[in-house]
Protein backbone atom coordinates (compact mmCIF):
# COMPACT_ATOMS: atom_id res chain seq x y z
CA MET A 1 113.63 114.05 87.13
CA LYS A 2 114.45 113.67 89.82
CA ALA A 3 117.00 115.61 90.45
CA PHE A 4 114.86 118.88 89.61
CA GLY A 5 112.16 117.42 91.75
CA ALA A 6 114.92 117.47 94.67
CA VAL A 7 116.33 121.23 93.32
CA VAL A 8 113.09 122.26 94.01
CA ALA A 9 111.95 120.49 96.46
CA ILE A 10 114.73 122.27 98.40
CA ALA A 11 114.10 125.19 96.40
CA LEU A 12 110.77 125.53 98.28
CA ALA A 13 112.33 124.68 101.20
CA LEU A 14 114.73 127.52 101.61
CA ALA A 15 112.29 130.15 100.45
CA LEU A 16 109.86 128.92 103.07
CA GLN A 17 112.62 128.63 106.09
CA THR A 18 113.85 131.62 105.21
CA MET A 19 110.51 133.69 105.16
CA LEU A 20 109.15 131.84 108.65
CA ASP A 21 112.24 132.62 109.67
CA ARG A 22 112.31 136.70 108.89
CA PHE A 23 108.61 136.95 110.34
CA ALA A 24 110.31 135.35 113.45
CA LEU A 25 107.15 133.18 114.18
CA ARG A 26 107.63 131.47 117.21
CA SER A 27 106.77 128.09 115.33
CA ALA A 28 109.75 128.88 112.98
CA SER A 29 112.09 127.30 115.26
CA ALA A 30 110.12 124.10 115.57
CA VAL A 31 110.59 122.92 111.34
CA ASP A 32 113.62 122.80 109.50
CA LEU A 33 112.23 122.69 106.68
CA VAL A 34 115.28 122.02 104.76
CA LEU A 35 116.37 119.21 107.22
CA VAL A 36 112.97 117.83 106.10
CA ALA A 37 113.68 118.15 102.54
CA VAL A 38 116.88 116.89 102.80
CA VAL A 39 115.89 113.68 104.42
CA TYR A 40 112.73 113.20 101.99
CA VAL A 41 115.74 113.24 98.79
CA ALA A 42 117.61 110.89 100.90
CA LEU A 43 115.08 108.52 101.60
CA THR A 44 113.48 108.83 97.78
CA SER A 45 117.20 108.78 95.63
CA GLY A 46 119.45 107.28 97.99
CA PRO A 47 122.81 108.14 100.14
CA VAL A 48 124.94 109.81 97.63
CA ALA A 49 121.68 112.61 96.70
CA GLY A 50 120.62 113.46 100.05
CA MET A 51 124.00 113.71 100.82
CA PHE A 52 124.45 115.87 98.02
CA ALA A 53 121.23 117.65 99.46
CA GLY A 54 122.44 117.83 102.52
CA SER A 55 125.70 119.96 101.08
CA VAL A 56 124.49 121.97 99.24
CA ALA A 57 120.86 123.20 100.94
CA GLY A 58 122.82 123.83 104.00
CA LEU A 59 125.51 126.07 102.74
CA VAL A 60 122.56 127.84 100.97
CA GLN A 61 120.98 128.27 104.04
CA ASP A 62 124.44 128.57 105.96
CA SER A 63 124.75 131.62 103.78
CA LEU A 64 121.33 133.52 103.90
CA THR A 65 121.65 132.88 108.10
CA ALA A 66 124.56 130.79 109.71
CA PRO A 67 127.82 132.62 111.51
CA ILE A 68 129.64 130.14 110.26
CA ILE A 69 129.28 129.35 106.54
CA GLY A 70 129.87 125.20 105.45
CA VAL A 71 128.91 124.10 109.77
CA GLY A 72 125.35 123.62 108.55
CA GLY A 73 125.86 122.32 105.12
CA LEU A 74 127.76 119.25 106.84
CA ALA A 75 125.87 118.19 109.16
CA LYS A 76 122.69 118.32 106.23
CA ALA A 77 125.10 116.56 104.52
CA VAL A 78 125.15 113.85 107.75
CA VAL A 79 121.78 113.25 108.21
CA GLY A 80 121.11 113.11 104.46
CA PHE A 81 124.23 110.88 103.55
CA PHE A 82 123.13 108.03 107.00
CA ALA A 83 119.04 108.38 106.13
CA GLY A 84 119.11 107.77 102.28
CA ALA A 85 121.79 104.77 103.93
CA PHE A 86 119.62 103.83 106.10
CA ALA A 87 116.68 103.55 103.53
CA GLN A 88 118.45 101.59 100.74
CA GLN A 89 119.15 98.50 103.51
CA PHE A 90 115.42 98.74 104.90
CA ILE A 91 112.22 98.86 103.66
CA VAL A 92 111.03 102.33 104.38
CA THR A 93 107.48 102.77 102.75
CA ALA A 94 105.45 103.17 105.73
CA ALA A 95 104.73 106.18 108.10
CA LEU A 96 106.75 105.39 111.33
CA PRO A 97 109.50 104.56 109.95
CA ARG A 98 108.86 107.62 107.81
CA LEU A 99 108.50 109.42 111.50
CA LEU A 100 111.19 107.63 113.17
CA ILE A 101 113.73 108.67 110.44
CA PHE A 102 113.11 112.21 110.83
CA VAL A 103 113.12 111.89 114.36
CA VAL A 104 116.35 110.20 114.76
CA ALA A 105 117.79 112.44 111.99
CA THR A 106 116.70 116.21 113.60
CA VAL A 107 118.41 114.88 116.76
CA VAL A 108 121.85 113.84 114.31
CA HIS A 109 121.50 117.06 112.96
CA ALA A 110 121.47 118.94 115.86
CA ALA A 111 124.31 116.83 117.98
CA VAL A 112 126.11 117.33 114.49
CA LEU A 113 125.42 120.93 114.79
CA MET A 114 126.66 120.59 118.45
CA ALA A 115 129.81 119.33 118.56
CA LEU A 116 131.27 121.21 115.22
CA TYR A 117 130.27 124.21 117.33
CA ALA A 118 132.33 122.70 120.49
CA VAL A 119 134.88 122.23 118.32
CA LEU A 120 135.06 125.06 115.97
CA GLN A 121 135.00 126.83 119.54
CA SER A 122 133.49 129.75 117.96
CA GLY A 123 130.18 130.37 120.12
CA THR A 124 127.91 127.34 120.74
CA PHE A 125 124.63 126.05 119.48
CA ALA A 126 121.90 127.48 122.19
CA ALA A 127 119.49 124.28 122.30
CA SER A 128 118.21 122.39 124.96
CA TRP A 129 117.03 118.88 124.28
CA THR A 130 113.46 119.74 125.11
CA VAL A 131 113.70 122.14 121.78
CA ILE A 132 115.49 119.27 119.66
CA ALA A 133 112.66 117.13 120.87
CA LYS A 134 109.88 119.42 119.80
CA GLN A 135 111.69 120.31 116.95
CA ALA A 136 111.94 116.03 116.02
CA LEU A 137 108.36 116.16 116.07
CA GLY A 138 107.62 118.89 114.25
CA ASN A 139 110.05 118.03 111.58
CA ALA A 140 108.40 114.16 111.69
CA LEU A 141 104.89 115.44 111.44
CA VAL A 142 105.66 118.16 108.39
CA GLY A 143 107.78 114.91 106.71
CA ALA A 144 105.01 112.41 107.43
CA VAL A 145 102.61 114.42 105.29
CA ALA A 146 104.42 115.99 102.62
CA PHE A 147 105.91 112.19 101.84
CA ALA A 148 101.15 111.79 102.11
CA PHE A 149 100.58 114.60 99.59
CA ILE A 150 103.58 113.75 97.69
CA GLU A 151 102.78 109.65 96.92
CA ALA A 152 99.26 111.05 96.59
CA VAL A 153 99.29 113.04 93.80
CA PRO A 154 99.73 110.72 90.80
CA GLY A 155 96.87 108.87 91.63
CA VAL A 156 94.65 112.59 91.81
CA VAL A 157 95.96 113.54 88.59
CA GLU A 158 95.60 109.24 86.98
CA ARG A 159 91.94 109.78 88.64
CA ARG A 160 90.94 113.44 86.97
CA ARG A 161 92.29 112.12 83.75
CA ILE A 162 89.77 109.06 82.99
CA ALA A 163 87.34 110.98 84.90
CA ARG A 164 87.65 113.95 81.84
CA ARG A 165 87.80 110.69 79.39
CA GLY A 166 84.96 109.02 80.30
CA ARG A 167 83.33 112.51 79.70
CA HIS A 168 84.42 112.47 75.99
């Protein structure tokens, strides 16, 4: 069941990110929904699932938007693995630690991308640190909202089920 949820989350994030990029909204660069989905999977399922989700999501995203296929997949796999490993070692259930993980994951993702593009010398990953900081904050906010929403859904469903049972 978790695997199906991870696939749905990544597919939804890819679709939304592609739509945002296609319509060239200025806020599209402020959030990397695919990275948020990968970090979410890593935090809830562990390092192996995070690495696998990052690899698949990054490769698909690369095939849709990037000049070199594989760079984003490798960067997201690294981030997914380390986010999942961190979540296994420490209790990451409060909002502040999750926000920090999303911020750090975004910065690490950007640093890995910059390093890979520098090694490949096929161009540069042209992003200033202010843009990366804005994206880190955007990813943290979207990730925190996603966690809150997903954690609230079972309670809402249960309350509705109990309310329906009480009416009959």
